[in-house]
Amino acid sequence: MMERPQCTRLPDGHRLHFRHGPIDLVLRAFGAQEAVRAAEQAAVSRFSTILEELCAELDILRNPTRLRGHAPVGRAARRMHLAVQPYAARVFITPMAAVAGAVADEILAAMTGVAPLEKAYVNNGGDIALHLSGAADFTIGIVDRIGAPHVAARSRLTARNGVGGIATSGWGGRSFSLGIADAVTVLADSAAAADAAATVIANAVNVPRHPAIRRSPATDLQPDSDLGRKLVTVGVGPLTGADIAAALQSGLHVAETLRAEGHIIAASLFLKGHGLTTQDMALADATSSHRQPVMPEIALHA
């Protein structure tokens, strides 16, 4: 029997902690007391059913996405499906690539749908759905590796940036990766979009058939993995500077393509202490010609 959803208030008195099976969320709403209370109640209500809805459609969600394939019907599942659609004709991808972001988006939508909030966030294991209004801001830390996180840069976001989601992917994270990136962080208009794109970009940070990279079939590590027998990264040994540069440039090419196509806003990529970002790190303000940077430049270093 599946455990019941757990919803508790953290000791700071402001944040809520939700747990149900593999889902582990921390969220907070900012605004008038009545608005915050209504948003929290809506989040609790929506969270109570979301895992069961996803489990009911796992057969669809664990299979490769097709451009004309059968679409799921649940709201969070549809978010997952739509987030990976841009990649369906290019690479192997399943809706599970966007599951953490889609869940965060769905809970945030429940909160903002019932109350006018100054800002709110839902953090699903590092994949964050974000709502900002007016002059509200939100500062994020960008890590250079997932396994032992270190904040390599910080970025202050405002509503003008248009960022609604932040996601980080890499070979040392909770999910499997086909690439060797220590961390790829993506900013996008939703957490599901950021989640899917971070997966695709992290997969592209790679040096195929390199003897220092250890790989294993995904199902040998997790029998029900949506990646099947695809080889996922389980270890990355010493790499030369040329190897690192080639892997990062491969990922950056994909990131720049996705940015140019409008699928992401910005991305940072890290491998073995080296980092690159997408070239255009500024956003046009919808109300003026002012352009506001969303992330500091991170130079490749020796």
C-alpha atoms as a PDB file:
ATOM      1  CA  MET A   1       0.000   0.000   0.000  1.00  0.00           C
ATOM      2  CA  MET A   2       1.342   3.450  -0.929  1.00  0.00           C
ATOM      3  CA  GLU A   3       2.159   5.707   2.002  1.00  0.00           C
ATOM      4  CA  ARG A   4       0.014   8.748   2.615  1.00  0.00           C
ATOM      5  CA  PRO A   5       1.252  12.219   1.586  1.00  0.00           C
ATOM      6  CA  GLN A   6       3.134  13.986   4.390  1.00  0.00           C
ATOM      7  CA  CYS A   7       2.798  17.775   4.734  1.00  0.00           C
ATOM      8  CA  THR A   8       4.645  19.565   7.550  1.00  0.00           C
ATOM      9  CA  ARG A   9       5.713  23.099   8.361  1.00  0.00           C
ATOM     10  CA  LEU A  10       9.462  23.569   8.769  1.00  0.00           C
ATOM     11  CA  PRO A  11      10.903  25.134  11.951  1.00  0.00           C
ATOM     12  CA  ASP A  12      11.281  28.572  10.334  1.00  0.00           C
ATOM     13  CA  GLY A  13       7.482  28.786  10.344  1.00  0.00           C
ATOM     14  CA  HIS A  14       7.284  29.867   6.695  1.00  0.00           C
ATOM     15  CA  ARG A  15       8.262  26.935   4.488  1.00  0.00           C
ATOM     16  CA  LEU A  16       6.247  23.755   3.959  1.00  0.00           C
ATOM     17  CA  HIS A  17       7.771  20.325   3.400  1.00  0.00           C
ATOM     18  CA  PHE A  18       5.797  17.807   1.325  1.00  0.00           C
ATOM     19  CA  ARG A  19       6.780  14.158   0.930  1.00  0.00           C
ATOM     20  CA  HIS A  20       5.077  11.311  -0.889  1.00  0.00           C
ATOM     21  CA  GLY A  21       7.042   8.369  -2.248  1.00  0.00           C
ATOM     22  CA  PRO A  22       9.899   9.759  -4.383  1.00  0.00           C
ATOM     23  CA  ILE A  23       8.504  13.325  -4.330  1.00  0.00           C
ATOM     24  CA  ASP A  24      10.143  15.654  -1.819  1.00  0.00           C
ATOM     25  CA  LEU A  25       9.180  19.342  -2.007  1.00  0.00           C
ATOM     26  CA  VAL A  26       9.967  22.503  -0.074  1.00  0.00           C
ATOM     27  CA  LEU A  27       7.797  25.503  -0.889  1.00  0.00           C
ATOM     28  CA  ARG A  28       7.008  28.984   0.301  1.00  0.00           C
ATOM     29  CA  ALA A  29       4.507  31.699  -0.603  1.00  0.00           C
ATOM     30  CA  PHE A  30       5.010  35.426   0.030  1.00  0.00           C
ATOM     31  CA  GLY A  31       2.221  37.978   0.281  1.00  0.00           C
ATOM     32  CA  ALA A  32      -0.716  38.983   2.437  1.00  0.00           C
ATOM     33  CA  GLN A  33      -1.492  36.537   5.237  1.00  0.00           C
ATOM     34  CA  GLU A  34      -4.841  35.516   3.747  1.00  0.00           C
ATOM     35  CA  ALA A  35      -3.276  34.962   0.316  1.00  0.00           C
ATOM     36  CA  VAL A  36      -0.455  32.861   1.735  1.00  0.00           C
ATOM     37  CA  ARG A  37      -2.907  30.745   3.727  1.00  0.00           C
ATOM     38  CA  ALA A  38      -5.080  30.120   0.655  1.00  0.00           C
ATOM     39  CA  ALA A  39      -2.037  29.255  -1.469  1.00  0.00           C
ATOM     40  CA  GLU A  40      -0.750  26.777   1.110  1.00  0.00           C
ATOM     41  CA  GLN A  41      -4.133  25.080   1.362  1.00  0.00           C
ATOM     42  CA  ALA A  42      -4.299  24.786  -2.422  1.00  0.00           C
ATOM     43  CA  ALA A  43      -0.800  23.273  -2.483  1.00  0.00           C
ATOM     44  CA  VAL A  44      -1.754  20.676   0.132  1.00  0.00           C
ATOM     45  CA  SER A  45      -4.892  19.763  -1.779  1.00  0.00           C
ATOM     46  CA  ARG A  46      -3.113  19.407  -5.128  1.00  0.00           C
ATOM     47  CA  PHE A  47      -0.215  17.455  -3.646  1.00  0.00           C
ATOM     48  CA  SER A  48      -2.553  14.867  -2.146  1.00  0.00           C
ATOM     49  CA  THR A  49      -3.361  13.344  -5.548  1.00  0.00           C
ATOM     50  CA  ILE A  50      -0.433  14.126  -7.827  1.00  0.00           C
ATOM     51  CA  LEU A  51       1.627  10.966  -7.261  1.00  0.00           C
ATOM     52  CA  GLU A  52      -1.323   8.639  -7.822  1.00  0.00           C
ATOM     53  CA  GLU A  53      -2.139  10.483 -11.048  1.00  0.00           C
ATOM     54  CA  LEU A  54       1.416  10.053 -12.316  1.00  0.00           C
ATOM     55  CA  CYS A  55       1.556   6.384 -11.344  1.00  0.00           C
ATOM     56  CA  ALA A  56      -1.639   5.735 -13.284  1.00  0.00           C
ATOM     57  CA  GLU A  57       0.118   6.791 -16.508  1.00  0.00           C
ATOM     58  CA  LEU A  58       3.620   5.431 -15.941  1.00  0.00           C
ATOM     59  CA  ASP A  59       3.415   3.176 -19.005  1.00  0.00           C
ATOM     60  CA  ILE A  60       3.129   6.279 -21.194  1.00  0.00           C
ATOM     61  CA  LEU A  61       5.552   8.403 -19.206  1.00  0.00           C
ATOM     62  CA  ARG A  62       8.356   5.820 -19.246  1.00  0.00           C
ATOM     63  CA  ASN A  63       8.243   5.314 -23.005  1.00  0.00           C
ATOM     64  CA  PRO A  64      10.036   7.484 -25.595  1.00  0.00           C
ATOM     65  CA  THR A  65       8.054  10.537 -26.599  1.00  0.00           C
ATOM     66  CA  ARG A  66       6.699  10.524 -30.142  1.00  0.00           C
ATOM     67  CA  LEU A  67       5.591  13.597 -32.033  1.00  0.00           C
ATOM     68  CA  ARG A  68       2.274  11.909 -32.812  1.00  0.00           C
ATOM     69  CA  GLY A  69       2.197   9.473 -29.929  1.00  0.00           C
ATOM     70  CA  HIS A  70      -0.536   8.976 -27.372  1.00  0.00           C
ATOM     71  CA  ALA A  71      -0.514  11.890 -24.906  1.00  0.00           C
ATOM     72  CA  PRO A  72      -1.192  11.475 -21.181  1.00  0.00           C
ATOM     73  CA  VAL A  73      -4.318  13.009 -19.632  1.00  0.00           C
ATOM     74  CA  GLY A  74      -3.257  14.072 -16.120  1.00  0.00           C
ATOM     75  CA  ARG A  75      -2.262  17.719 -15.723  1.00  0.00           C
ATOM     76  CA  ALA A  76       1.255  17.087 -14.400  1.00  0.00           C
ATOM     77  CA  ALA A  77       1.766  14.283 -16.929  1.00  0.00           C
ATOM     78  CA  ARG A  78       0.723  16.630 -19.743  1.00  0.00           C
ATOM     79  CA  ARG A  79       3.291  19.157 -18.526  1.00  0.00           C
ATOM     80  CA  MET A  80       5.953  16.444 -18.751  1.00  0.00           C
ATOM     81  CA  HIS A  81       4.829  15.421 -22.224  1.00  0.00           C
ATOM     82  CA  LEU A  82       4.787  18.982 -23.570  1.00  0.00           C
ATOM     83  CA  ALA A  83       8.191  19.796 -22.063  1.00  0.00           C
ATOM     84  CA  VAL A  84       9.953  17.000 -23.964  1.00  0.00           C
ATOM     85  CA  GLN A  85       8.090  17.448 -27.261  1.00  0.00           C
ATOM     86  CA  PRO A  86      10.730  19.799 -28.734  1.00  0.00           C
ATOM     87  CA  TYR A  87      13.292  16.982 -28.486  1.00  0.00           C
ATOM     88  CA  ALA A  88      11.202  14.013 -29.616  1.00  0.00           C
ATOM     89  CA  ALA A  89      12.485  14.064 -33.202  1.00  0.00           C
ATOM     90  CA  ARG A  90      16.115  14.728 -32.221  1.00  0.00           C
ATOM     91  CA  VAL A  91      17.098  12.440 -29.354  1.00  0.00           C
ATOM     92  CA  PHE A  92      15.862   9.593 -27.206  1.00  0.00           C
ATOM     93  CA  ILE A  93      13.779  11.153 -24.448  1.00  0.00           C
ATOM     94  CA  THR A  94      10.831  10.187 -22.290  1.00  0.00           C
ATOM     95  CA  PRO A  95       8.476  12.449 -20.333  1.00  0.00           C
ATOM     96  CA  MET A  96      10.260  11.295 -17.164  1.00  0.00           C
ATOM     97  CA  ALA A  97      13.037  13.732 -18.103  1.00  0.00           C
ATOM     98  CA  ALA A  98      10.709  16.516 -16.931  1.00  0.00           C
ATOM     99  CA  VAL A  99       8.946  14.860 -13.993  1.00  0.00           C
ATOM    100  CA  ALA A 100      10.547  16.849 -11.153  1.00  0.00           C
ATOM    101  CA  GLY A 101      10.009  20.176 -12.872  1.00  0.00           C
ATOM    102  CA  ALA A 102       6.464  19.333 -13.920  1.00  0.00           C
ATOM    103  CA  VAL A 103       5.462  18.415 -10.363  1.00  0.00           C
ATOM    104  CA  ALA A 104       6.925  21.696  -9.094  1.00  0.00           C
ATOM    105  CA  ASP A 105       5.076  23.627 -11.821  1.00  0.00           C
ATOM    106  CA  GLU A 106       1.797  21.922 -10.998  1.00  0.00           C
ATOM    107  CA  ILE A 107       1.978  22.726  -7.281  1.00  0.00           C
ATOM    108  CA  LEU A 108       2.983  26.318  -8.009  1.00  0.00           C
ATOM    109  CA  ALA A 109       0.075  26.700 -10.439  1.00  0.00           C
ATOM    110  CA  ALA A 110      -2.314  25.542  -7.721  1.00  0.00           C
ATOM    111  CA  MET A 111      -0.906  28.183  -5.371  1.00  0.00           C
ATOM    112  CA  THR A 112      -0.968  31.114  -7.774  1.00  0.00           C
ATOM    113  CA  GLY A 113      -4.357  30.091  -9.110  1.00  0.00           C
ATOM    114  CA  VAL A 114      -6.164  30.852  -5.849  1.00  0.00           C
ATOM    115  CA  ALA A 115      -4.362  33.909  -4.467  1.00  0.00           C
ATOM    116  CA  PRO A 116      -2.403  36.996  -5.588  1.00  0.00           C
ATOM    117  CA  LEU A 117       1.129  36.318  -4.342  1.00  0.00           C
ATOM    118  CA  GLU A 118       4.155  38.613  -4.345  1.00  0.00           C
ATOM    119  CA  LYS A 119       6.371  35.625  -5.027  1.00  0.00           C
ATOM    120  CA  ALA A 120       6.429  31.887  -4.481  1.00  0.00           C
ATOM    121  CA  TYR A 121       8.653  28.929  -5.160  1.00  0.00           C
ATOM    122  CA  VAL A 122       8.367  25.149  -5.145  1.00  0.00           C
ATOM    123  CA  ASN A 123      11.695  23.333  -4.871  1.00  0.00           C
ATOM    124  CA  ASN A 124      11.564  19.701  -5.956  1.00  0.00           C
ATOM    125  CA  GLY A 125      15.016  18.345  -5.146  1.00  0.00           C
ATOM    126  CA  GLY A 126      16.731  21.326  -6.759  1.00  0.00           C
ATOM    127  CA  ASP A 127      14.353  21.765  -9.681  1.00  0.00           C
ATOM    128  CA  ILE A 128      12.471  24.954  -8.850  1.00  0.00           C
ATOM    129  CA  ALA A 129       9.213  26.452 -10.123  1.00  0.00           C
ATOM    130  CA  LEU A 130       9.245  30.193  -9.519  1.00  0.00           C
ATOM    131  CA  HIS A 131       6.636  32.972  -9.437  1.00  0.00           C
ATOM    132  CA  LEU A 132       7.683  36.638  -9.202  1.00  0.00           C
ATOM    133  CA  SER A 133       5.499  39.724  -9.452  1.00  0.00           C
ATOM    134  CA  GLY A 134       6.076  43.454  -9.141  1.00  0.00           C
ATOM    135  CA  ALA A 135       9.442  44.281  -7.616  1.00  0.00           C
ATOM    136  CA  ALA A 136       9.945  40.839  -6.029  1.00  0.00           C
ATOM    137  CA  ASP A 137      13.273  39.118  -6.614  1.00  0.00           C
ATOM    138  CA  PHE A 138      14.800  35.705  -6.047  1.00  0.00           C
ATOM    139  CA  THR A 139      18.508  34.874  -5.781  1.00  0.00           C
ATOM    140  CA  ILE A 140      19.698  31.488  -6.981  1.00  0.00           C
ATOM    141  CA  GLY A 141      23.006  29.730  -6.477  1.00  0.00           C
ATOM    142  CA  ILE A 142      24.500  27.953  -9.481  1.00  0.00           C
ATOM    143  CA  VAL A 143      26.491  24.846  -8.549  1.00  0.00           C
ATOM    144  CA  ASP A 144      29.490  23.422 -10.388  1.00  0.00           C
ATOM    145  CA  ARG A 145      28.738  19.811  -9.459  1.00  0.00           C
ATOM    146  CA  ILE A 146      25.784  17.858  -8.132  1.00  0.00           C
ATOM    147  CA  GLY A 147      27.400  15.180  -5.979  1.00  0.00           C
ATOM    148  CA  ALA A 148      29.178  17.673  -3.684  1.00  0.00           C
ATOM    149  CA  PRO A 149      27.583  21.031  -4.500  1.00  0.00           C
ATOM    150  CA  HIS A 150      29.609  24.228  -4.428  1.00  0.00           C
ATOM    151  CA  VAL A 151      28.028  27.539  -5.391  1.00  0.00           C
ATOM    152  CA  ALA A 152      30.066  28.781  -8.357  1.00  0.00           C
ATOM    153  CA  ALA A 153      27.882  31.805  -9.155  1.00  0.00           C
ATOM    154  CA  ARG A 154      24.764  33.585  -7.990  1.00  0.00           C
ATOM    155  CA  SER A 155      22.060  35.274 -10.003  1.00  0.00           C
ATOM    156  CA  ARG A 156      19.335  37.658  -8.888  1.00  0.00           C
ATOM    157  CA  LEU A 157      16.114  37.131 -10.816  1.00  0.00           C
ATOM    158  CA  THR A 158      13.194  39.533 -11.157  1.00  0.00           C
ATOM    159  CA  ALA A 159       9.875  39.320 -12.959  1.00  0.00           C
ATOM    160  CA  ARG A 160      11.457  41.055 -15.965  1.00  0.00           C
ATOM    161  CA  ASN A 161      13.694  38.064 -16.592  1.00  0.00           C
ATOM    162  CA  GLY A 162      10.757  35.826 -17.424  1.00  0.00           C
ATOM    163  CA  VAL A 163      12.302  32.903 -15.558  1.00  0.00           C
ATOM    164  CA  GLY A 164       9.656  30.521 -14.233  1.00  0.00           C
ATOM    165  CA  GLY A 165      11.851  27.497 -13.693  1.00  0.00           C
ATOM    166  CA  ILE A 166      15.378  26.454 -12.779  1.00  0.00           C
ATOM    167  CA  ALA A 167      16.726  22.919 -13.126  1.00  0.00           C
ATOM    168  CA  THR A 168      20.106  21.233 -12.760  1.00  0.00           C
ATOM    169  CA  SER A 169      21.223  17.939 -14.276  1.00  0.00           C
ATOM    170  CA  GLY A 170      24.463  15.961 -14.299  1.00  0.00           C
ATOM    171  CA  TRP A 171      25.882  12.489 -14.047  1.00  0.00           C
ATOM    172  CA  GLY A 172      26.174  12.548 -10.241  1.00  0.00           C
ATOM    173  CA  GLY A 173      22.558  13.491  -9.578  1.00  0.00           C
ATOM    174  CA  ARG A 174      19.450  11.537  -8.599  1.00  0.00           C
ATOM    175  CA  SER A 175      18.658  10.734 -12.233  1.00  0.00           C
ATOM    176  CA  PHE A 176      20.870   8.937 -14.735  1.00  0.00           C
ATOM    177  CA  SER A 177      22.751  10.864 -17.426  1.00  0.00           C
ATOM    178  CA  LEU A 178      24.148   9.785 -20.774  1.00  0.00           C
ATOM    179  CA  GLY A 179      26.779  12.529 -20.536  1.00  0.00           C
ATOM    180  CA  ILE A 180      29.602  13.495 -18.196  1.00  0.00           C
ATOM    181  CA  ALA A 181      28.625  17.007 -17.057  1.00  0.00           C
ATOM    182  CA  ASP A 182      29.183  17.627 -13.364  1.00  0.00           C
ATOM    183  CA  ALA A 183      26.306  20.114 -13.504  1.00  0.00           C
ATOM    184  CA  VAL A 184      24.175  21.828 -16.125  1.00  0.00           C
ATOM    185  CA  THR A 185      21.824  24.503 -14.810  1.00  0.00           C
ATOM    186  CA  VAL A 186      19.092  25.833 -17.076  1.00  0.00           C
ATOM    187  CA  LEU A 187      16.778  28.810 -16.682  1.00  0.00           C
ATOM    188  CA  ALA A 188      13.520  28.608 -18.631  1.00  0.00           C
ATOM    189  CA  ASP A 189       9.953  29.844 -18.518  1.00  0.00           C
ATOM    190  CA  SER A 190       8.832  26.792 -16.538  1.00  0.00           C
ATOM    191  CA  ALA A 191      10.461  24.201 -14.328  1.00  0.00           C
ATOM    192  CA  ALA A 192       9.377  21.382 -16.648  1.00  0.00           C
ATOM    193  CA  ALA A 193      10.989  23.099 -19.644  1.00  0.00           C
ATOM    194  CA  ALA A 194      14.168  23.716 -17.644  1.00  0.00           C
ATOM    195  CA  ASP A 195      14.207  20.111 -16.417  1.00  0.00           C
ATOM    196  CA  ALA A 196      13.876  18.615 -19.908  1.00  0.00           C
ATOM    197  CA  ALA A 197      16.456  20.971 -21.414  1.00  0.00           C
ATOM    198  CA  ALA A 198      18.961  20.395 -18.602  1.00  0.00           C
ATOM    199  CA  THR A 199      18.707  16.658 -19.281  1.00  0.00           C
ATOM    200  CA  VAL A 200      19.289  17.103 -23.015  1.00  0.00           C
ATOM    201  CA  ILE A 201      22.216  19.508 -22.569  1.00  0.00           C
ATOM    202  CA  ALA A 202      23.854  17.394 -19.855  1.00  0.00           C
ATOM    203  CA  ASN A 203      23.613  14.346 -22.132  1.00  0.00           C
ATOM    204  CA  ALA A 204      25.428  16.321 -24.839  1.00  0.00           C
ATOM    205  CA  VAL A 205      28.401  17.151 -22.578  1.00  0.00           C
ATOM    206  CA  ASN A 206      30.304  14.066 -23.585  1.00  0.00           C
ATOM    207  CA  VAL A 207      33.421  12.463 -25.051  1.00  0.00           C
ATOM    208  CA  PRO A 208      32.150   9.244 -26.653  1.00  0.00           C
ATOM    209  CA  ARG A 209      34.070   6.005 -26.066  1.00  0.00           C
ATOM    210  CA  HIS A 210      36.646   7.630 -23.776  1.00  0.00           C
ATOM    211  CA  PRO A 211      38.484   4.989 -21.674  1.00  0.00           C
ATOM    212  CA  ALA A 212      38.253   7.110 -18.482  1.00  0.00           C
ATOM    213  CA  ILE A 213      34.451   7.170 -18.590  1.00  0.00           C
ATOM    214  CA  ARG A 214      32.645   4.210 -17.026  1.00  0.00           C
ATOM    215  CA  ARG A 215      29.128   3.404 -18.169  1.00  0.00           C
ATOM    216  CA  SER A 216      26.507   0.821 -17.332  1.00  0.00           C
ATOM    217  CA  PRO A 217      23.100  -0.159 -18.769  1.00  0.00           C
ATOM    218  CA  ALA A 218      20.466   1.830 -16.907  1.00  0.00           C
ATOM    219  CA  THR A 219      18.347  -1.209 -16.101  1.00  0.00           C
ATOM    220  CA  ASP A 220      21.330  -2.906 -14.423  1.00  0.00           C
ATOM    221  CA  LEU A 221      21.229  -0.061 -11.894  1.00  0.00           C
ATOM    222  CA  GLN A 222      17.467   0.461 -11.757  1.00  0.00           C
ATOM    223  CA  PRO A 223      15.344  -2.299 -13.314  1.00  0.00           C
ATOM    224  CA  ASP A 224      12.380  -0.026 -14.091  1.00  0.00           C
ATOM    225  CA  SER A 225      14.447   2.813 -15.574  1.00  0.00           C
ATOM    226  CA  ASP A 226      12.836   4.597 -18.513  1.00  0.00           C
ATOM    227  CA  LEU A 227      16.259   4.535 -20.225  1.00  0.00           C
ATOM    228  CA  GLY A 228      16.197   0.761 -20.679  1.00  0.00           C
ATOM    229  CA  ARG A 229      19.570  -0.685 -21.702  1.00  0.00           C
ATOM    230  CA  LYS A 230      21.048   2.674 -22.672  1.00  0.00           C
ATOM    231  CA  LEU A 231      24.506   3.223 -21.204  1.00  0.00           C
ATOM    232  CA  VAL A 232      24.516   5.786 -18.400  1.00  0.00           C
ATOM    233  CA  THR A 233      27.553   7.353 -16.786  1.00  0.00           C
ATOM    234  CA  VAL A 234      28.686   5.849 -13.485  1.00  0.00           C
ATOM    235  CA  GLY A 235      32.190   7.269 -13.245  1.00  0.00           C
ATOM    236  CA  VAL A 236      34.449   9.867 -14.859  1.00  0.00           C
ATOM    237  CA  GLY A 237      38.199   9.490 -14.488  1.00  0.00           C
ATOM    238  CA  PRO A 238      40.993  11.916 -15.432  1.00  0.00           C
ATOM    239  CA  LEU A 239      40.419  13.939 -18.602  1.00  0.00           C
ATOM    240  CA  THR A 240      42.800  16.151 -20.537  1.00  0.00           C
ATOM    241  CA  GLY A 241      42.115  19.835 -21.020  1.00  0.00           C
ATOM    242  CA  ALA A 242      41.269  19.105 -24.638  1.00  0.00           C
ATOM    243  CA  ASP A 243      38.767  16.418 -23.587  1.00  0.00           C
ATOM    244  CA  ILE A 244      37.081  18.800 -21.143  1.00  0.00           C
ATOM    245  CA  ALA A 245      36.933  21.633 -23.670  1.00  0.00           C
ATOM    246  CA  ALA A 246      35.497  19.346 -26.355  1.00  0.00           C
ATOM    247  CA  ALA A 247      32.814  17.948 -24.019  1.00  0.00           C
ATOM    248  CA  LEU A 248      31.762  21.408 -22.803  1.00  0.00           C
ATOM    249  CA  GLN A 249      31.681  22.832 -26.321  1.00  0.00           C
ATOM    250  CA  SER A 250      29.480  19.932 -27.441  1.00  0.00           C
ATOM    251  CA  GLY A 251      27.008  20.737 -24.672  1.00  0.00           C
ATOM    252  CA  LEU A 252      27.242  24.480 -25.258  1.00  0.00           C
ATOM    253  CA  HIS A 253      26.373  24.029 -28.927  1.00  0.00           C
ATOM    254  CA  VAL A 254      23.156  22.270 -27.924  1.00  0.00           C
ATOM    255  CA  ALA A 255      22.399  24.905 -25.260  1.00  0.00           C
ATOM    256  CA  GLU A 256      22.881  27.772 -27.706  1.00  0.00           C
ATOM    257  CA  THR A 257      20.620  26.045 -30.220  1.00  0.00           C
ATOM    258  CA  LEU A 258      17.879  25.633 -27.620  1.00  0.00           C
ATOM    259  CA  ARG A 259      18.280  29.254 -26.521  1.00  0.00           C
ATOM    260  CA  ALA A 260      18.046  30.483 -30.110  1.00  0.00           C
ATOM    261  CA  GLU A 261      14.895  28.403 -30.614  1.00  0.00           C
ATOM    262  CA  GLY A 262      13.309  29.886 -27.484  1.00  0.00           C
ATOM    263  CA  HIS A 263      13.230  26.695 -25.422  1.00  0.00           C
ATOM    264  CA  ILE A 264      15.527  28.073 -22.702  1.00  0.00           C
ATOM    265  CA  ILE A 265      16.589  31.465 -21.393  1.00  0.00           C
ATOM    266  CA  ALA A 266      20.135  30.683 -20.261  1.00  0.00           C
ATOM    267  CA  ALA A 267      22.361  27.801 -19.244  1.00  0.00           C
ATOM    268  CA  SER A 268      25.625  27.130 -17.434  1.00  0.00           C
ATOM    269  CA  LEU A 269      27.710  23.992 -17.936  1.00  0.00           C
ATOM    270  CA  PHE A 270      30.439  22.590 -15.656  1.00  0.00           C
ATOM    271  CA  LEU A 271      32.939  19.765 -15.959  1.00  0.00           C
ATOM    272  CA  LYS A 272      36.019  19.084 -13.821  1.00  0.00           C
ATOM    273  CA  GLY A 273      36.129  22.635 -12.460  1.00  0.00           C
ATOM    274  CA  HIS A 274      35.714  24.275 -15.871  1.00  0.00           C
ATOM    275  CA  GLY A 275      32.590  26.170 -16.839  1.00  0.00           C
ATOM    276  CA  LEU A 276      30.873  27.763 -19.822  1.00  0.00           C
ATOM    277  CA  THR A 277      27.622  29.682 -20.223  1.00  0.00           C
ATOM    278  CA  THR A 278      25.416  30.515 -23.142  1.00  0.00           C
ATOM    279  CA  GLN A 279      26.610  33.655 -24.915  1.00  0.00           C
ATOM    280  CA  ASP A 280      23.651  36.009 -24.562  1.00  0.00           C
ATOM    281  CA  MET A 281      23.131  36.237 -20.818  1.00  0.00           C
ATOM    282  CA  ALA A 282      20.711  39.204 -20.915  1.00  0.00           C
ATOM    283  CA  LEU A 283      16.983  39.507 -21.423  1.00  0.00           C
ATOM    284  CA  ALA A 284      15.002  42.233 -23.084  1.00  0.00           C
ATOM    285  CA  ASP A 285      12.715  44.107 -20.733  1.00  0.00           C
ATOM    286  CA  ALA A 286       9.215  44.022 -22.163  1.00  0.00           C
ATOM    287  CA  THR A 287       8.613  47.626 -21.127  1.00  0.00           C
ATOM    288  CA  SER A 288      11.868  49.309 -22.198  1.00  0.00           C
ATOM    289  CA  SER A 289      15.111  48.869 -24.087  1.00  0.00           C
ATOM    290  CA  HIS A 290      16.950  47.996 -20.855  1.00  0.00           C
ATOM    291  CA  ARG A 291      18.502  44.540 -20.793  1.00  0.00           C
ATOM    292  CA  GLN A 292      19.027  42.789 -17.508  1.00  0.00           C
ATOM    293  CA  PRO A 293      21.641  40.012 -17.097  1.00  0.00           C
ATOM    294  CA  VAL A 294      20.383  36.800 -15.527  1.00  0.00           C
ATOM    295  CA  MET A 295      23.692  35.111 -14.819  1.00  0.00           C
ATOM    296  CA  PRO A 296      27.334  36.217 -14.572  1.00  0.00           C
ATOM    297  CA  GLU A 297      29.755  35.025 -17.231  1.00  0.00           C
ATOM    298  CA  ILE A 298      31.728  31.949 -16.173  1.00  0.00           C
ATOM    299  CA  ALA A 299      35.012  31.634 -18.057  1.00  0.00           C
ATOM    300  CA  LEU A 300      36.726  28.377 -18.955  1.00  0.00           C
ATOM    301  CA  HIS A 301      39.850  28.153 -16.818  1.00  0.00           C
ATOM    302  CA  ALA A 302      42.909  25.964 -16.670  1.00  0.00           C
END
